[in-house]
PDB file of N, CA and C in Angstrom:
ATOM      1  N   MET A   1     -17.428  45.750  -3.318  1.00  0.00           N
ATOM      2  CA  MET A   1     -16.735  45.748  -2.068  1.00  0.00           C
ATOM      3  C   MET A   1     -15.540  44.823  -2.125  1.00  0.00           C
ATOM      4  N   ASP A   2     -14.524  45.332  -1.673  1.00  0.00           N
ATOM      5  CA  ASP A   2     -13.288  44.566  -1.660  1.00  0.00           C
ATOM      6  C   ASP A   2     -13.128  43.949  -0.274  1.00  0.00           C
ATOM      7  N   THR A   3     -13.027  42.597  -0.234  1.00  0.00           N
ATOM      8  CA  THR A   3     -12.873  41.940   1.064  1.00  0.00           C
ATOM      9  C   THR A   3     -11.403  41.891   1.411  1.00  0.00           C
ATOM     10  N   SER A   4     -11.110  41.993   2.655  1.00  0.00           N
ATOM     11  CA  SER A   4      -9.713  41.970   3.079  1.00  0.00           C
ATOM     12  C   SER A   4      -9.287  40.528   3.339  1.00  0.00           C
ATOM     13  N   HIS A   5      -8.080  40.229   2.998  1.00  0.00           N
ATOM     14  CA  HIS A   5      -7.513  38.893   3.188  1.00  0.00           C
ATOM     15  C   HIS A   5      -6.362  39.002   4.166  1.00  0.00           C
ATOM     16  N   LEU A   6      -6.216  37.991   4.999  1.00  0.00           N
ATOM     17  CA  LEU A   6      -5.144  38.025   5.982  1.00  0.00           C
ATOM     18  C   LEU A   6      -3.804  37.655   5.369  1.00  0.00           C
ATOM     19  N   ILE A   7      -3.818  36.784   4.332  1.00  0.00           N
ATOM     20  CA  ILE A   7      -2.570  36.430   3.654  1.00  0.00           C
ATOM     21  C   ILE A   7      -2.747  36.639   2.165  1.00  0.00           C
ATOM     22  N   GLU A   8      -1.618  36.746   1.496  1.00  0.00           N
ATOM     23  CA  GLU A   8      -1.657  36.942   0.049  1.00  0.00           C
ATOM     24  C   GLU A   8      -2.040  35.633  -0.630  1.00  0.00           C
ATOM     25  N   SER A   9      -2.498  35.739  -1.844  1.00  0.00           N
ATOM     26  CA  SER A   9      -2.918  34.547  -2.584  1.00  0.00           C
ATOM     27  C   SER A   9      -1.730  33.655  -2.909  1.00  0.00           C
ATOM     28  N   THR A  10      -0.551  34.218  -3.169  1.00  0.00           N
ATOM     29  CA  THR A  10       0.626  33.383  -3.452  1.00  0.00           C
ATOM     30  C   THR A  10       1.038  32.605  -2.209  1.00  0.00           C
ATOM     31  N   ALA A  11       0.990  33.237  -1.062  1.00  0.00           N
ATOM     32  CA  ALA A  11       1.325  32.539   0.182  1.00  0.00           C
ATOM     33  C   ALA A  11       0.288  31.455   0.467  1.00  0.00           C
ATOM     34  N   LYS A  12      -0.968  31.768   0.174  1.00  0.00           N
ATOM     35  CA  LYS A  12      -2.041  30.799   0.364  1.00  0.00           C
ATOM     36  C   LYS A  12      -1.825  29.589  -0.543  1.00  0.00           C
ATOM     37  N   ASN A  13      -1.480  29.815  -1.803  1.00  0.00           N
ATOM     38  CA  ASN A  13      -1.212  28.721  -2.741  1.00  0.00           C
ATOM     39  C   ASN A  13       0.004  27.913  -2.306  1.00  0.00           C
ATOM     40  N   HIS A  14       1.037  28.596  -1.813  1.00  0.00           N
ATOM     41  CA  HIS A  14       2.244  27.907  -1.351  1.00  0.00           C
ATOM     42  C   HIS A  14       1.907  27.000  -0.161  1.00  0.00           C
ATOM     43  N   LEU A  15       1.157  27.490   0.804  1.00  0.00           N
ATOM     44  CA  LEU A  15       0.754  26.674   1.950  1.00  0.00           C
ATOM     45  C   LEU A  15      -0.119  25.498   1.514  1.00  0.00           C
ATOM     46  N   PHE A  16      -1.024  25.744   0.589  1.00  0.00           N
ATOM     47  CA  PHE A  16      -1.896  24.684   0.085  1.00  0.00           C
ATOM     48  C   PHE A  16      -1.079  23.588  -0.590  1.00  0.00           C
ATOM     49  N   GLN A  17      -0.124  23.961  -1.440  1.00  0.00           N
ATOM     50  CA  GLN A  17       0.715  22.982  -2.131  1.00  0.00           C
ATOM     51  C   GLN A  17       1.591  22.218  -1.134  1.00  0.00           C
ATOM     52  N   THR A  18       2.115  22.930  -0.135  1.00  0.00           N
ATOM     53  CA  THR A  18       2.940  22.273   0.878  1.00  0.00           C
ATOM     54  C   THR A  18       2.112  21.262   1.670  1.00  0.00           C
ATOM     55  N   LEU A  19       0.925  21.630   2.074  1.00  0.00           N
ATOM     56  CA  LEU A  19       0.050  20.704   2.798  1.00  0.00           C
ATOM     57  C   LEU A  19      -0.344  19.511   1.927  1.00  0.00           C
ATOM     58  N   LYS A  20      -0.546  19.763   0.657  1.00  0.00           N
ATOM     59  CA  LYS A  20      -0.882  18.685  -0.283  1.00  0.00           C
ATOM     60  C   LYS A  20       0.282  17.696  -0.401  1.00  0.00           C
ATOM     61  N   GLN A  21       1.512  18.208  -0.495  1.00  0.00           N
ATOM     62  CA  GLN A  21       2.690  17.346  -0.579  1.00  0.00           C
ATOM     63  C   GLN A  21       2.867  16.549   0.718  1.00  0.00           C
ATOM     64  N   CYS A  22       2.654  17.214   1.851  1.00  0.00           N
ATOM     65  CA  CYS A  22       2.757  16.513   3.140  1.00  0.00           C
ATOM     66  C   CYS A  22       1.730  15.379   3.232  1.00  0.00           C
ATOM     67  N   HIS A  23       0.526  15.650   2.775  1.00  0.00           N
ATOM     68  CA  HIS A  23      -0.525  14.630   2.788  1.00  0.00           C
ATOM     69  C   HIS A  23      -0.143  13.453   1.889  1.00  0.00           C
ATOM     70  N   ASN A  24       0.325  13.738   0.680  1.00  0.00           N
ATOM     71  CA  ASN A  24       0.721  12.668  -0.242  1.00  0.00           C
ATOM     72  C   ASN A  24       1.875  11.858   0.333  1.00  0.00           C
ATOM     73  N   HIS A  25       2.828  12.533   0.959  1.00  0.00           N
ATOM     74  CA  HIS A  25       3.969  11.838   1.564  1.00  0.00           C
ATOM     75  C   HIS A  25       3.492  10.937   2.717  1.00  0.00           C
ATOM     76  N   ARG A  26       2.600  11.444   3.554  1.00  0.00           N
ATOM     77  CA  ARG A  26       2.075  10.671   4.678  1.00  0.00           C
ATOM     78  C   ARG A  26       1.290   9.454   4.179  1.00  0.00           C
ATOM     79  N   VAL A  27       0.489   9.633   3.144  1.00  0.00           N
ATOM     80  CA  VAL A  27      -0.294   8.523   2.595  1.00  0.00           C
ATOM     81  C   VAL A  27       0.631   7.457   2.014  1.00  0.00           C
ATOM     82  N   SER A  28       1.691   7.873   1.323  1.00  0.00           N
ATOM     83  CA  SER A  28       2.621   6.883   0.761  1.00  0.00           C
ATOM     84  C   SER A  28       3.329   6.121   1.880  1.00  0.00           C
ATOM     85  N   ILE A  29       3.674   6.791   2.968  1.00  0.00           N
ATOM     86  CA  ILE A  29       4.291   6.095   4.104  1.00  0.00           C
ATOM     87  C   ILE A  29       3.299   5.102   4.711  1.00  0.00           C
ATOM     88  N   TYR A  30       2.040   5.489   4.847  1.00  0.00           N
ATOM     89  CA  TYR A  30       1.023   4.574   5.368  1.00  0.00           C
ATOM     90  C   TYR A  30       0.887   3.341   4.477  1.00  0.00           C
ATOM     91  N   TYR A  31       0.939   3.524   3.166  1.00  0.00           N
ATOM     92  CA  TYR A  31       0.849   2.384   2.253  1.00  0.00           C
ATOM     93  C   TYR A  31       2.029   1.442   2.439  1.00  0.00           C
ATOM     94  N   TYR A  32       3.241   2.003   2.558  1.00  0.00           N
ATOM     95  CA  TYR A  32       4.412   1.154   2.762  1.00  0.00           C
ATOM     96  C   TYR A  32       4.312   0.389   4.079  1.00  0.00           C
ATOM     97  N   VAL A  33       3.919   1.068   5.139  1.00  0.00           N
ATOM     98  CA  VAL A  33       3.806   0.409   6.441  1.00  0.00           C
ATOM     99  C   VAL A  33       2.731  -0.677   6.393  1.00  0.00           C
ATOM    100  N   LEU A  34       1.610  -0.392   5.777  1.00  0.00           N
ATOM    101  CA  LEU A  34       0.534  -1.379   5.669  1.00  0.00           C
ATOM    102  C   LEU A  34       0.985  -2.588   4.855  1.00  0.00           C
ATOM    103  N   ASN A  35       1.635  -2.355   3.722  1.00  0.00           N
ATOM    104  CA  ASN A  35       2.087  -3.467   2.881  1.00  0.00           C
ATOM    105  C   ASN A  35       3.137  -4.309   3.595  1.00  0.00           C
ATOM    106  N   ILE A  36       4.070  -3.665   4.275  1.00  0.00           N
ATOM    107  CA  ILE A  36       5.094  -4.417   5.003  1.00  0.00           C
ATOM    108  C   ILE A  36       4.454  -5.198   6.148  1.00  0.00           C
ATOM    109  N   GLY A  37       3.494  -4.591   6.840  1.00  0.00           N
ATOM    110  CA  GLY A  37       2.803  -5.291   7.928  1.00  0.00           C
ATOM    111  C   GLY A  37       2.047  -6.511   7.439  1.00  0.00           C
ATOM    112  N   ILE A  38       1.347  -6.375   6.335  1.00  0.00           N
ATOM    113  CA  ILE A  38       0.607  -7.513   5.779  1.00  0.00           C
ATOM    114  C   ILE A  38       1.572  -8.599   5.313  1.00  0.00           C
ATOM    115  N   PHE A  39       2.690  -8.196   4.712  1.00  0.00           N
ATOM    116  CA  PHE A  39       3.687  -9.170   4.268  1.00  0.00           C
ATOM    117  C   PHE A  39       4.260  -9.934   5.461  1.00  0.00           C
ATOM    118  N   LEU A  40       4.600  -9.225   6.537  1.00  0.00           N
ATOM    119  CA  LEU A  40       5.142  -9.889   7.725  1.00  0.00           C
ATOM    120  C   LEU A  40       4.105 -10.819   8.356  1.00  0.00           C
ATOM    121  N   LEU A  41       2.853 -10.413   8.375  1.00  0.00           N
ATOM    122  CA  LEU A  41       1.791 -11.269   8.897  1.00  0.00           C
ATOM    123  C   LEU A  41       1.655 -12.541   8.057  1.00  0.00           C
ATOM    124  N   PHE A  42       1.694 -12.391   6.744  1.00  0.00           N
ATOM    125  CA  PHE A  42       1.602 -13.545   5.842  1.00  0.00           C
ATOM    126  C   PHE A  42       2.780 -14.493   6.044  1.00  0.00           C
ATOM    127  N   VAL A  43       3.986 -13.934   6.136  1.00  0.00           N
ATOM    128  CA  VAL A  43       5.181 -14.765   6.320  1.00  0.00           C
ATOM    129  C   VAL A  43       5.129 -15.478   7.669  1.00  0.00           C
ATOM    130  N   SER A  44       4.695 -14.786   8.717  1.00  0.00           N
ATOM    131  CA  SER A  44       4.645 -15.423  10.034  1.00  0.00           C
ATOM    132  C   SER A  44       3.590 -16.527  10.080  1.00  0.00           C
ATOM    133  N   ILE A  45       2.432 -16.309   9.485  1.00  0.00           N
ATOM    134  CA  ILE A  45       1.398 -17.356   9.468  1.00  0.00           C
ATOM    135  C   ILE A  45       1.875 -18.559   8.657  1.00  0.00           C
ATOM    136  N   THR A  46       2.487 -18.299   7.505  1.00  0.00           N
ATOM    137  CA  THR A  46       3.014 -19.398   6.687  1.00  0.00           C
ATOM    138  C   THR A  46       4.094 -20.162   7.443  1.00  0.00           C
ATOM    139  N   GLY A  47       4.980 -19.434   8.119  1.00  0.00           N
ATOM    140  CA  GLY A  47       6.033 -20.078   8.906  1.00  0.00           C
ATOM    141  C   GLY A  47       5.468 -20.920  10.027  1.00  0.00           C
ATOM    142  N   LEU A  48       4.452 -20.418  10.723  1.00  0.00           N
ATOM    143  CA  LEU A  48       3.838 -21.190  11.803  1.00  0.00           C
ATOM    144  C   LEU A  48       3.165 -22.453  11.282  1.00  0.00           C
ATOM    145  N   ILE A  49       2.510 -22.348  10.145  1.00  0.00           N
ATOM    146  CA  ILE A  49       1.857 -23.528   9.563  1.00  0.00           C
ATOM    147  C   ILE A  49       2.897 -24.575   9.174  1.00  0.00           C
ATOM    148  N   LEU A  50       3.978 -24.137   8.534  1.00  0.00           N
ATOM    149  CA  LEU A  50       5.025 -25.084   8.146  1.00  0.00           C
ATOM    150  C   LEU A  50       5.692 -25.704   9.371  1.00  0.00           C
ATOM    151  N   TYR A  51       5.928 -24.916  10.404  1.00  0.00           N
ATOM    152  CA  TYR A  51       6.529 -25.436  11.631  1.00  0.00           C
ATOM    153  C   TYR A  51       5.611 -26.471  12.272  1.00  0.00           C
ATOM    154  N   TYR A  52       4.321 -26.157  12.345  1.00  0.00           N
ATOM    155  CA  TYR A  52       3.361 -27.081  12.941  1.00  0.00           C
ATOM    156  C   TYR A  52       3.310 -28.389  12.160  1.00  0.00           C
ATOM    157  N   CYS A  53       3.279 -28.287  10.825  1.00  0.00           N
ATOM    158  CA  CYS A  53       3.223 -29.499   9.995  1.00  0.00           C
ATOM    159  C   CYS A  53       4.477 -30.341  10.174  1.00  0.00           C
ATOM    160  N   ASN A  54       5.621 -29.694  10.279  1.00  0.00           N
ATOM    161  CA  ASN A  54       6.872 -30.429  10.420  1.00  0.00           C
ATOM    162  C   ASN A  54       6.996 -31.034  11.819  1.00  0.00           C
ATOM    163  N   LYS A  55       6.534 -30.331  12.830  1.00  0.00           N
ATOM    164  CA  LYS A  55       6.677 -30.808  14.204  1.00  0.00           C
ATOM    165  C   LYS A  55       5.812 -32.034  14.465  1.00  0.00           C
ATOM    166  N   TYR A  56       4.591 -32.031  13.959  1.00  0.00           N
ATOM    167  CA  TYR A  56       3.660 -33.116  14.239  1.00  0.00           C
ATOM    168  C   TYR A  56       3.566 -34.133  13.105  1.00  0.00           C
ATOM    169  N   LYS A  57       4.565 -34.163  12.255  1.00  0.00           N
ATOM    170  CA  LYS A  57       4.604 -35.138  11.167  1.00  0.00           C
ATOM    171  C   LYS A  57       4.929 -36.513  11.749  1.00  0.00           C
ATOM    172  N   LEU A  58       4.218 -37.530  11.287  1.00  0.00           N
ATOM    173  CA  LEU A  58       4.429 -38.880  11.795  1.00  0.00           C
ATOM    174  C   LEU A  58       5.737 -39.450  11.272  1.00  0.00           C
ATOM    175  N   SER A  59       6.449 -40.162  12.140  1.00  0.00           N
ATOM    176  CA  SER A  59       7.668 -40.830  11.702  1.00  0.00           C
ATOM    177  C   SER A  59       7.283 -42.093  10.931  1.00  0.00           C
ATOM    178  N   ASP A  60       8.281 -42.737  10.335  1.00  0.00           N
ATOM    179  CA  ASP A  60       7.998 -43.944   9.550  1.00  0.00           C
ATOM    180  C   ASP A  60       7.432 -45.053  10.434  1.00  0.00           C
ATOM    181  N   VAL A  61       7.951 -45.183  11.644  1.00  0.00           N
ATOM    182  CA  VAL A  61       7.458 -46.211  12.562  1.00  0.00           C
ATOM    183  C   VAL A  61       6.006 -45.920  12.937  1.00  0.00           C
ATOM    184  N   ASP A  62       5.708 -44.664  13.214  1.00  0.00           N
ATOM    185  CA  ASP A  62       4.332 -44.301  13.565  1.00  0.00           C
ATOM    186  C   ASP A  62       3.384 -44.504  12.389  1.00  0.00           C
ATOM    187  N   LYS A  63       3.866 -44.220  11.181  1.00  0.00           N
ATOM    188  CA  LYS A  63       3.034 -44.435   9.994  1.00  0.00           C
ATOM    189  C   LYS A  63       2.708 -45.914   9.827  1.00  0.00           C
ATOM    190  N   LYS A  64       3.722 -46.764  10.005  1.00  0.00           N
ATOM    191  CA  LYS A  64       3.494 -48.205   9.872  1.00  0.00           C
ATOM    192  C   LYS A  64       2.547 -48.704  10.959  1.00  0.00           C
ATOM    193  N   ARG A  65       2.731 -48.194  12.180  1.00  0.00           N
ATOM    194  CA  ARG A  65       1.871 -48.599  13.289  1.00  0.00           C
ATOM    195  C   ARG A  65       0.422 -48.182  13.023  1.00  0.00           C
ATOM    196  N   LYS A  66       0.235 -46.979  12.524  1.00  0.00           N
ATOM    197  CA  LYS A  66      -1.115 -46.494  12.222  1.00  0.00           C
ATOM    198  C   LYS A  66      -1.740 -47.305  11.088  1.00  0.00           C
ATOM    199  N   MET A  67      -0.944 -47.615  10.049  1.00  0.00           N
ATOM    200  CA  MET A  67      -1.460 -48.398   8.939  1.00  0.00           C
ATOM    201  C   MET A  67      -1.845 -49.802   9.423  1.00  0.00           C
ATOM    202  N   TYR A  68      -1.028 -50.410  10.291  1.00  0.00           N
ATOM    203  CA  TYR A  68      -1.336 -51.726  10.827  1.00  0.00           C
ATOM    204  C   TYR A  68      -2.623 -51.684  11.654  1.00  0.00           C
ATOM    205  N   LYS A  69      -2.767 -50.635  12.463  1.00  0.00           N
ATOM    206  CA  LYS A  69      -3.968 -50.486  13.280  1.00  0.00           C
ATOM    207  C   LYS A  69      -5.205 -50.332  12.399  1.00  0.00           C
ATOM    208  N   ASP A  70      -5.103 -49.554  11.335  1.00  0.00           N
ATOM    209  CA  ASP A  70      -6.225 -49.385  10.413  1.00  0.00           C
ATOM    210  C   ASP A  70      -6.564 -50.698   9.716  1.00  0.00           C
ATOM    211  N   GLN A  71      -5.544 -51.444   9.323  1.00  0.00           N
ATOM    212  CA  GLN A  71      -5.783 -52.734   8.674  1.00  0.00           C
ATOM    213  C   GLN A  71      -6.477 -53.698   9.630  1.00  0.00           C
ATOM    214  N   GLN A  72      -6.041 -53.712  10.880  1.00  0.00           N
ATOM    215  CA  GLN A  72      -6.666 -54.596  11.861  1.00  0.00           C
ATOM    216  C   GLN A  72      -8.124 -54.212  12.098  1.00  0.00           C
ATOM    217  N   TYR A  73      -8.397 -52.924  12.095  1.00  0.00           N
ATOM    218  CA  TYR A  73      -9.778 -52.465  12.267  1.00  0.00           C
ATOM    219  C   TYR A  73     -10.649 -52.944  11.108  1.00  0.00           C
ATOM    220  N   VAL A  74     -10.147 -52.797   9.882  1.00  0.00           N
ATOM    221  CA  VAL A  74     -10.913 -53.213   8.707  1.00  0.00           C
ATOM    222  C   VAL A  74     -11.121 -54.725   8.724  1.00  0.00           C
ATOM    223  N   LEU A  75     -10.078 -55.470   9.056  1.00  0.00           N
ATOM    224  CA  LEU A  75     -10.211 -56.928   9.109  1.00  0.00           C
ATOM    225  C   LEU A  75     -11.195 -57.364  10.195  1.00  0.00           C
ATOM    226  N   SER A  76     -11.183 -56.682  11.326  1.00  0.00           N
ATOM    227  CA  SER A  76     -12.133 -57.051  12.385  1.00  0.00           C
ATOM    228  C   SER A  76     -13.571 -56.787  11.937  1.00  0.00           C
ATOM    229  N   LYS A  77     -13.791 -55.720  11.213  1.00  0.00           N
ATOM    230  CA  LYS A  77     -15.137 -55.443  10.703  1.00  0.00           C
ATOM    231  C   LYS A  77     -15.555 -56.495   9.682  1.00  0.00           C
ATOM    232  N   ILE A  78     -14.630 -56.906   8.830  1.00  0.00           N
ATOM    233  CA  ILE A  78     -14.936 -57.948   7.837  1.00  0.00           C
ATOM    234  C   ILE A  78     -15.297 -59.246   8.548  1.00  0.00           C
ATOM    235  N   ARG A  79     -14.506 -59.628   9.555  1.00  0.00           N
ATOM    236  CA  ARG A  79     -14.801 -60.855  10.303  1.00  0.00           C
ATOM    237  C   ARG A  79     -16.157 -60.768  11.001  1.00  0.00           C
ATOM    238  N   TYR A  80     -16.433 -59.614  11.583  1.00  0.00           N
ATOM    239  CA  TYR A  80     -17.705 -59.429  12.283  1.00  0.00           C
ATOM    240  C   TYR A  80     -18.876 -59.622  11.326  1.00  0.00           C
ATOM    241  N   PHE A  81     -18.810 -59.023  10.157  1.00  0.00           N
ATOM    242  CA  PHE A  81     -19.920 -59.143   9.208  1.00  0.00           C
ATOM    243  C   PHE A  81     -20.002 -60.547   8.615  1.00  0.00           C
ATOM    244  N   GLN A  82     -18.866 -61.226   8.451  1.00  0.00           N
ATOM    245  CA  GLN A  82     -18.911 -62.608   7.974  1.00  0.00           C
ATOM    246  C   GLN A  82     -19.580 -63.515   9.006  1.00  0.00           C
ATOM    247  N   GLU A  83     -19.236 -63.329  10.268  1.00  0.00           N
ATOM    248  CA  GLU A  83     -19.857 -64.141  11.314  1.00  0.00           C
ATOM    249  C   GLU A  83     -21.347 -63.836  11.438  1.00  0.00           C
ATOM    250  N   GLU A  84     -21.688 -62.586  11.310  1.00  0.00           N
ATOM    251  CA  GLU A  84     -23.104 -62.216  11.367  1.00  0.00           C
ATOM    252  C   GLU A  84     -23.863 -62.841  10.202  1.00  0.00           C
ATOM    253  N   ARG A  85     -23.242 -62.866   9.041  1.00  0.00           N
ATOM    254  CA  ARG A  85     -23.884 -63.473   7.876  1.00  0.00           C
ATOM    255  C   ARG A  85     -24.054 -64.979   8.079  1.00  0.00           C
ATOM    256  N   LYS A  86     -23.046 -65.622   8.667  1.00  0.00           N
ATOM    257  CA  LYS A  86     -23.152 -67.058   8.938  1.00  0.00           C
ATOM    258  C   LYS A  86     -24.287 -67.338   9.923  1.00  0.00           C
ATOM    259  N   GLN A  87     -24.401 -66.510  10.928  1.00  0.00           N
ATOM    260  CA  GLN A  87     -25.482 -66.701  11.900  1.00  0.00           C
ATOM    261  C   GLN A  87     -26.842 -66.504  11.247  1.00  0.00           C
ATOM    262  N   ASN A  88     -26.931 -65.520  10.380  1.00  0.00           N
ATOM    263  CA  ASN A  88     -28.202 -65.303   9.681  1.00  0.00           C
ATOM    264  C   ASN A  88     -28.505 -66.457   8.738  1.00  0.00           C
ATOM    265  N   ASP A  89     -27.477 -66.989   8.086  1.00  0.00           N
ATOM    266  CA  ASP A  89     -27.695 -68.135   7.193  1.00  0.00           C
ATOM    267  C   ASP A  89     -28.128 -69.362   7.982  1.00  0.00           C
ATOM    268  N   ASN A  90     -27.587 -69.536   9.168  1.00  0.00           N
ATOM    269  CA  ASN A  90     -27.972 -70.688   9.992  1.00  0.00           C
ATOM    270  C   ASN A  90     -29.406 -70.567  10.483  1.00  0.00           C
ATOM    271  N   GLN A  91     -29.862 -69.356  10.657  1.00  0.00           N
ATOM    272  CA  GLN A  91     -31.221 -69.161  11.155  1.00  0.00           C
ATOM    273  C   GLN A  91     -32.260 -69.228  10.046  1.00  0.00           C
ATOM    274  N   MET A  92     -31.829 -69.226   8.805  1.00  0.00           N
ATOM    275  CA  MET A  92     -32.782 -69.256   7.695  1.00  0.00           C
ATOM    276  C   MET A  92     -32.859 -70.654   7.100  1.00  0.00           C
ATOM    277  N   SER A  93     -34.018 -70.937   6.543  1.00  0.00           N
ATOM    278  CA  SER A  93     -34.218 -72.206   5.869  1.00  0.00           C
ATOM    279  C   SER A  93     -33.439 -72.178   4.561  1.00  0.00           C
ATOM    280  N   ASN A  94     -32.828 -73.292   4.194  1.00  0.00           N
ATOM    281  CA  ASN A  94     -32.030 -73.339   2.975  1.00  0.00           C
ATOM    282  C   ASN A  94     -32.889 -73.324   1.719  1.00  0.00           C
ATOM    283  N   ILE A  95     -34.094 -73.800   1.804  1.00  0.00           N
ATOM    284  CA  ILE A  95     -34.929 -73.896   0.618  1.00  0.00           C
ATOM    285  C   ILE A  95     -35.582 -72.564   0.298  1.00  0.00           C
ATOM    286  N   THR A  96     -36.210 -71.957   1.279  1.00  0.00           N
ATOM    287  CA  THR A  96     -36.998 -70.757   0.998  1.00  0.00           C
ATOM    288  C   THR A  96     -36.325 -69.466   1.426  1.00  0.00           C
ATOM    289  N   GLN A  97     -35.240 -69.545   2.122  1.00  0.00           N
ATOM    290  CA  GLN A  97     -34.536 -68.375   2.641  1.00  0.00           C
ATOM    291  C   GLN A  97     -35.409 -67.559   3.581  1.00  0.00           C
ATOM    292  N   LEU A  98     -36.335 -68.245   4.250  1.00  0.00           N
ATOM    293  CA  LEU A  98     -37.168 -67.596   5.252  1.00  0.00           C
ATOM    294  C   LEU A  98     -36.651 -67.986   6.631  1.00  0.00           C
ATOM    295  N   PRO A  99     -36.761 -67.104   7.594  1.00  0.00           N
ATOM    296  CA  PRO A  99     -36.263 -67.448   8.938  1.00  0.00           C
ATOM    297  C   PRO A  99     -37.135 -68.499   9.614  1.00  0.00           C
ATOM    298  N   PHE A 100     -36.514 -69.278  10.492  1.00  0.00           N
ATOM    299  CA  PHE A 100     -37.244 -70.267  11.276  1.00  0.00           C
ATOM    300  C   PHE A 100     -38.049 -69.566  12.343  1.00  0.00           C
ATOM    301  N   THR A 101     -39.137 -70.209  12.744  1.00  0.00           N
ATOM    302  CA  THR A 101     -39.933 -69.655  13.841  1.00  0.00           C
ATOM    303  C   THR A 101     -39.804 -70.484  15.072  1.00  0.00           C
TER     304      THR A 101
END
């Protein structure tokens, strides 16, 4: 039995090849758009990070002030522990290093 076809096989092949080319062209455009979008996202995030770092960067005066504040904090802790040690030494017997009762 011979089945009837609505279009010829050459026309069918031509349409198939044309649709295949259209699909490949569309996929390549999607790849370009995706790559450009990812690149722009990367550049914008990098730019925002650099802008943020530059905007909130400490000036030389602020750096010195912060370093001085940190030094004062460390020195105060050293003094506190030295005084605590002196108090503990005063409360202990010099001979046996046992606390007084």
